[in-house]
C-alpha cells in the first residue's frame, strides 16, 4: 500500500499513525508523500508510533536504542518494539529472526538498568557519570529494517521517525558491567556467513557505551515517565553490514567481552 499525499503529509501525528500501520501490516510507505519540518517533528512522529503500538507500557521494562557519531554531536535515540527483542542462546534458542524482514546488522553493546529512574533522577545525571545505574551489559546485534519503500535512502528525518530504521535486537548473555574498560581500543568483529567481515579496534563514536546513559534517560523521561528497572538500551554501532540476504548468520564479537550470533 502506498500512502498518497494528503493535507496531513507533514503532520508528525499522521506520520506516526501511518508508520504504526506499516509496522503492523508490512506494507512500506512512499517517502515522497511525507515531509517533516525538523528533528523535533521526527521525534513527535516516533513517539506517536511508539504510543500506537504500546512499546512503552507503564511499569514494564523498556527497550531503546541510542548512539552518536561523537561526544560533540546530538544523540539519536528511539524506543524499540518489545516483540523484536530476543535473548539469544544459540541459533535455535532465540537466534532465528527469519520471521522478520531484516536487511542489515550492527555490532553493539547493550546495557541494562538496575533500578527505576525517575525524571528527577535523570535530570541530575551528567554524560559519562551514570555507570552506577548499569546492572549488566551484553554483546548485541541490532538488525536493520525499514518501513519506507526506499529503505535507507529515505530522508534522514523520515528514518528517525521510523525508530531509526530499527528491525529487531538480539541480546547475548548478560554479564557484569566493566568499569574502566578500555573501550576506545576495543577489538570488534562483525562477520556474515556469506563471507563478509568487518574488524578492527575502536569504532564506537562515543568511545564508551556508558557515556550516553545520562542523555538517553533524560530523553526517555522527558514527558514525566519513569524508566523501569530492567530496561535495556543498545548503545550504537561499532560495525555495520548491509544488504544481507535472508538466511544470513551474523556474528558480533568483542575480544575479551563475548560474542553473539543470529540469523535473519
Protein backbone atom coordinates (compact mmCIF):
# COMPACT_ATOMS: atom_id res chain seq x y z
CA UNK A 1 0.00 0.00 0.00
CA UNK A 2 1.35 3.44 -0.95
CA UNK A 3 0.29 6.39 1.18
CA UNK A 4 -0.87 9.19 -1.11
CA UNK A 5 -0.05 12.80 -0.39
CA UNK A 6 -2.67 14.39 1.87
CA UNK A 7 -3.09 17.70 3.76
CA UNK A 8 -1.61 15.85 6.76
CA UNK A 9 1.54 14.77 4.92
CA UNK A 10 3.74 16.93 7.18
CA UNK A 11 1.86 16.11 10.40
CA UNK A 12 4.00 14.15 12.89
CA UNK A 13 0.92 12.52 14.41
CA UNK A 14 -0.38 11.44 11.00
CA UNK A 15 3.03 10.04 10.11
CA UNK A 16 3.25 8.19 13.42
CA UNK A 17 -0.10 6.55 12.70
CA UNK A 18 0.95 5.64 9.16
CA UNK A 19 4.20 4.13 10.41
CA UNK A 20 2.33 2.12 13.04
CA UNK A 21 0.18 0.68 10.26
CA UNK A 22 3.27 -0.11 8.19
CA UNK A 23 4.89 -1.85 11.16
CA UNK A 24 1.69 -3.88 11.59
CA UNK A 25 0.87 -4.88 8.01
CA UNK A 26 4.36 -4.88 6.49
CA UNK A 27 3.41 -2.52 3.66
CA UNK A 28 6.11 0.18 3.27
CA UNK A 29 5.31 3.86 2.78
CA UNK A 30 6.18 6.20 -0.07
CA UNK A 31 8.79 8.64 1.29
CA UNK A 32 7.86 11.18 -1.39
CA UNK A 33 4.44 11.56 0.21
CA UNK A 34 5.76 12.71 3.59
CA UNK A 35 7.91 15.52 4.96
CA UNK A 36 8.92 16.73 8.41
CA UNK A 37 9.96 20.25 9.32
CA UNK A 38 12.75 19.37 11.75
CA UNK A 39 14.14 16.71 14.08
CA UNK A 40 11.64 17.71 16.77
CA UNK A 41 8.82 16.76 14.38
CA UNK A 42 10.57 13.45 13.66
CA UNK A 43 10.68 12.68 17.37
CA UNK A 44 6.98 13.58 17.67
CA UNK A 45 6.18 11.08 14.92
CA UNK A 46 8.40 8.49 16.60
CA UNK A 47 6.58 9.00 19.91
CA UNK A 48 3.23 8.64 18.16
CA UNK A 49 4.42 5.37 16.58
CA UNK A 50 5.53 4.00 19.96
CA UNK A 51 2.27 5.09 21.59
CA UNK A 52 0.08 3.49 18.91
CA UNK A 53 1.90 0.16 19.25
CA UNK A 54 2.24 0.37 23.06
CA UNK A 55 6.03 -0.04 23.10
CA UNK A 56 6.38 1.84 26.40
CA UNK A 57 3.69 0.34 28.63
CA UNK A 58 3.98 1.77 32.19
CA UNK A 59 5.77 -0.45 34.67
CA UNK A 60 7.17 -2.80 32.02
CA UNK A 61 10.90 -2.82 31.13
CA UNK A 62 11.52 -0.76 28.04
CA UNK A 63 13.85 -1.25 25.07
CA UNK A 64 15.70 1.62 23.41
CA UNK A 65 18.50 2.43 21.01
CA UNK A 66 20.77 5.42 21.50
CA UNK A 67 24.01 6.47 19.85
CA UNK A 68 26.04 9.29 18.41
CA UNK A 69 28.79 9.99 15.90
CA UNK A 70 30.82 11.79 18.57
CA UNK A 71 30.50 13.33 22.01
CA UNK A 72 30.07 16.74 20.40
CA UNK A 73 27.02 15.83 18.31
CA UNK A 74 23.44 15.21 19.34
CA UNK A 75 22.47 11.68 20.32
CA UNK A 76 19.96 9.85 18.15
CA UNK A 77 17.51 7.68 20.04
CA UNK A 78 14.26 5.83 19.82
CA UNK A 79 12.15 3.26 21.68
CA UNK A 80 12.08 -0.25 20.22
CA UNK A 81 9.36 -2.80 19.61
CA UNK A 82 9.48 -5.30 22.52
CA UNK A 83 8.35 -8.19 20.30
CA UNK A 84 11.53 -7.88 18.24
CA UNK A 85 13.87 -8.11 21.24
CA UNK A 86 15.15 -11.63 21.90
CA UNK A 87 17.72 -13.04 24.28
CA UNK A 88 19.90 -15.33 22.18
CA UNK A 89 21.49 -18.50 23.47
CA UNK A 90 22.11 -20.10 20.07
CA UNK A 91 20.53 -20.06 16.62
CA UNK A 92 17.86 -22.48 17.81
CA UNK A 93 17.29 -20.64 21.06
CA UNK A 94 16.25 -17.09 20.24
CA UNK A 95 18.73 -16.59 17.42
CA UNK A 96 16.46 -17.10 14.41
CA UNK A 97 14.89 -13.83 13.22
CA UNK A 98 13.77 -15.25 9.87
CA UNK A 99 10.17 -14.28 10.57
CA UNK A 100 11.10 -10.60 10.18
CA UNK A 101 12.15 -8.61 7.06
CA UNK A 102 15.70 -7.62 8.07
CA UNK A 103 18.45 -6.47 5.72
CA UNK A 104 21.34 -5.21 7.85
CA UNK A 105 23.10 -5.78 11.16
CA UNK A 106 25.16 -3.75 13.60
CA UNK A 107 27.59 -4.99 16.27
CA UNK A 108 26.74 -3.19 19.52
CA UNK A 109 26.91 -3.30 23.31
CA UNK A 110 23.60 -3.23 25.21
CA UNK A 111 23.21 -2.03 28.81
CA UNK A 112 20.52 -2.88 31.38
CA UNK A 113 19.24 -0.67 34.19
CA UNK A 114 19.44 -1.95 37.75
CA UNK A 115 16.81 0.41 39.19
CA UNK A 116 13.88 2.61 38.29
CA UNK A 117 14.95 6.05 37.06
CA UNK A 118 12.57 8.96 37.64
CA UNK A 119 12.63 12.25 35.72
CA UNK A 120 14.14 13.93 38.78
CA UNK A 121 16.94 11.37 38.96
CA UNK A 122 17.60 11.64 35.23
CA UNK A 123 17.82 15.45 35.34
CA UNK A 124 20.74 15.28 37.78
CA UNK A 125 22.85 12.96 35.59
CA UNK A 126 25.84 14.07 33.56
CA UNK A 127 27.36 12.41 30.46
CA UNK A 128 29.82 9.72 31.41
CA UNK A 129 28.79 9.79 35.08
CA UNK A 130 25.91 7.30 35.24
CA UNK A 131 27.68 3.93 35.38
CA UNK A 132 26.20 3.30 38.83
CA UNK A 133 22.81 2.73 37.19
CA UNK A 134 24.04 -0.14 34.99
CA UNK A 135 23.01 -3.58 36.20
CA UNK A 136 24.58 -5.59 33.36
CA UNK A 137 25.85 -5.47 29.79
CA UNK A 138 25.88 -7.82 26.79
CA UNK A 139 27.03 -8.06 23.21
CA UNK A 140 24.11 -7.28 20.92
CA UNK A 141 23.18 -7.28 17.25
CA UNK A 142 20.78 -4.60 16.12
CA UNK A 143 19.03 -5.73 12.96
CA UNK A 144 18.07 -3.06 10.43
CA UNK A 145 14.77 -2.79 8.57
CA UNK A 146 12.65 -0.03 7.08
CA UNK A 147 9.03 0.94 6.68
CA UNK A 148 9.97 3.10 3.66
CA UNK A 149 9.91 1.83 0.09
CA UNK A 150 13.35 3.36 -0.47
CA UNK A 151 14.80 1.86 2.72
CA UNK A 152 17.92 3.61 3.97
CA UNK A 153 17.74 6.03 1.04
CA UNK A 154 14.73 7.75 2.63
CA UNK A 155 15.16 11.21 4.12
CA UNK A 156 17.07 11.21 7.43
CA UNK A 157 14.12 12.66 9.38
CA UNK A 158 11.76 10.04 8.00
CA UNK A 159 14.21 7.34 9.05
CA UNK A 160 14.48 8.91 12.50
CA UNK A 161 10.68 8.83 12.82
CA UNK A 162 10.76 5.16 11.84
CA UNK A 163 12.67 4.17 15.01
CA UNK A 164 15.95 4.94 13.20
CA UNK A 165 15.44 2.03 10.78
CA UNK A 166 15.30 -0.47 13.62
CA UNK A 167 14.29 -4.03 12.82
CA UNK A 168 14.99 -6.24 15.84
CA UNK A 169 17.51 -6.74 18.64
CA UNK A 170 19.50 -9.86 19.54
CA UNK A 171 20.87 -9.84 23.09
CA UNK A 172 23.74 -12.11 24.11
CA UNK A 173 24.38 -13.43 27.62
CA UNK A 174 24.28 -10.79 30.33
CA UNK A 175 27.42 -10.09 32.35
CA UNK A 176 28.69 -7.52 34.84
CA UNK A 177 29.49 -4.03 33.58
CA UNK A 178 33.25 -3.44 33.31
CA UNK A 179 34.03 -0.07 34.80
CA UNK A 180 37.27 1.37 33.47
CA UNK A 181 37.39 -0.97 30.46
CA UNK A 182 39.43 0.39 27.53
CA UNK A 183 36.53 0.70 25.10
CA UNK A 184 38.39 3.17 22.88
CA UNK A 185 40.77 0.35 21.87
CA UNK A 186 38.27 -2.50 21.97
CA UNK A 187 38.71 -5.09 19.21
CA UNK A 188 35.40 -5.79 17.46
CA UNK A 189 34.43 -8.03 14.54
CA UNK A 190 31.18 -8.40 12.63
CA UNK A 191 31.09 -11.44 10.37
CA UNK A 192 28.42 -12.76 7.97
CA UNK A 193 28.05 -16.36 6.83
CA UNK A 194 28.42 -15.34 3.17
CA UNK A 195 31.98 -14.23 3.90
CA UNK A 196 31.73 -10.50 4.57
CA UNK A 197 33.71 -9.45 7.63
CA UNK A 198 34.49 -6.12 9.28
CA UNK A 199 37.03 -5.94 12.08
CA UNK A 200 39.40 -3.60 13.85
CA UNK A 201 39.90 -1.69 17.08
CA UNK A 202 37.64 1.04 18.35
CA UNK A 203 34.88 2.33 16.12
CA UNK A 204 32.31 3.43 18.69
CA UNK A 205 31.58 7.11 18.17
CA UNK A 206 31.48 7.87 21.90
CA UNK A 207 34.46 5.65 22.87
CA UNK A 208 32.42 4.28 25.78
CA UNK A 209 28.94 2.74 25.63
CA UNK A 210 28.05 4.10 29.09
CA UNK A 211 28.77 7.71 28.12
CA UNK A 212 25.24 8.09 26.71
CA UNK A 213 23.27 6.81 29.73
CA UNK A 214 22.54 10.32 31.04
CA UNK A 215 21.34 11.64 27.69
CA UNK A 216 19.23 8.58 26.99
CA UNK A 217 17.49 8.69 30.38
CA UNK A 218 16.84 12.42 30.16
CA UNK A 219 15.22 11.87 26.78
CA UNK A 220 13.25 8.80 27.91
CA UNK A 221 11.85 10.65 30.97
CA UNK A 222 11.22 13.97 29.21
CA UNK A 223 7.42 13.71 29.44
CA UNK A 224 7.37 12.65 33.08
CA UNK A 225 7.69 8.89 32.65
CA UNK A 226 9.84 6.71 34.91
CA UNK A 227 12.12 4.24 33.12
CA UNK A 228 11.69 0.89 34.96
CA UNK A 229 14.48 -1.31 36.27
CA UNK A 230 15.38 -3.96 33.71
CA UNK A 231 15.05 -1.57 30.79
CA UNK A 232 17.65 -2.03 28.07
CA UNK A 233 19.43 0.39 25.74
CA UNK A 234 21.63 -0.73 22.88
CA UNK A 235 24.33 1.87 22.51
CA UNK A 236 25.25 2.39 18.88
CA UNK A 237 27.11 0.66 16.08
CA UNK A 238 30.75 -0.40 16.07
CA UNK A 239 30.48 -2.23 12.74
CA UNK A 240 27.65 -2.32 10.17
CA UNK A 241 26.82 -4.84 7.41
CA UNK A 242 24.03 -4.02 4.94
CA UNK A 243 22.28 -5.77 2.05
CA UNK A 244 22.20 -9.11 3.87
CA UNK A 245 20.07 -11.75 2.09
CA UNK A 246 17.56 -13.73 4.17
CA UNK A 247 19.13 -16.67 5.96
CA UNK A 248 22.41 -14.91 6.69
CA UNK A 249 24.01 -15.75 10.02
CA UNK A 250 25.76 -12.76 11.56
CA UNK A 251 28.23 -12.96 14.46
CA UNK A 252 29.27 -9.95 16.52
CA UNK A 253 32.42 -10.50 18.60
CA UNK A 254 34.12 -8.21 21.11
CA UNK A 255 37.53 -9.55 22.14
CA UNK A 256 37.64 -10.22 25.88
CA UNK A 257 33.94 -9.43 26.26
CA UNK A 258 31.97 -12.01 24.30
CA UNK A 259 30.00 -12.70 21.15
CA UNK A 260 26.51 -13.39 19.86
CA UNK A 261 25.25 -14.94 16.61
CA UNK A 262 21.83 -14.56 14.99
CA UNK A 263 20.20 -15.25 11.62
CA UNK A 264 17.82 -13.09 9.61
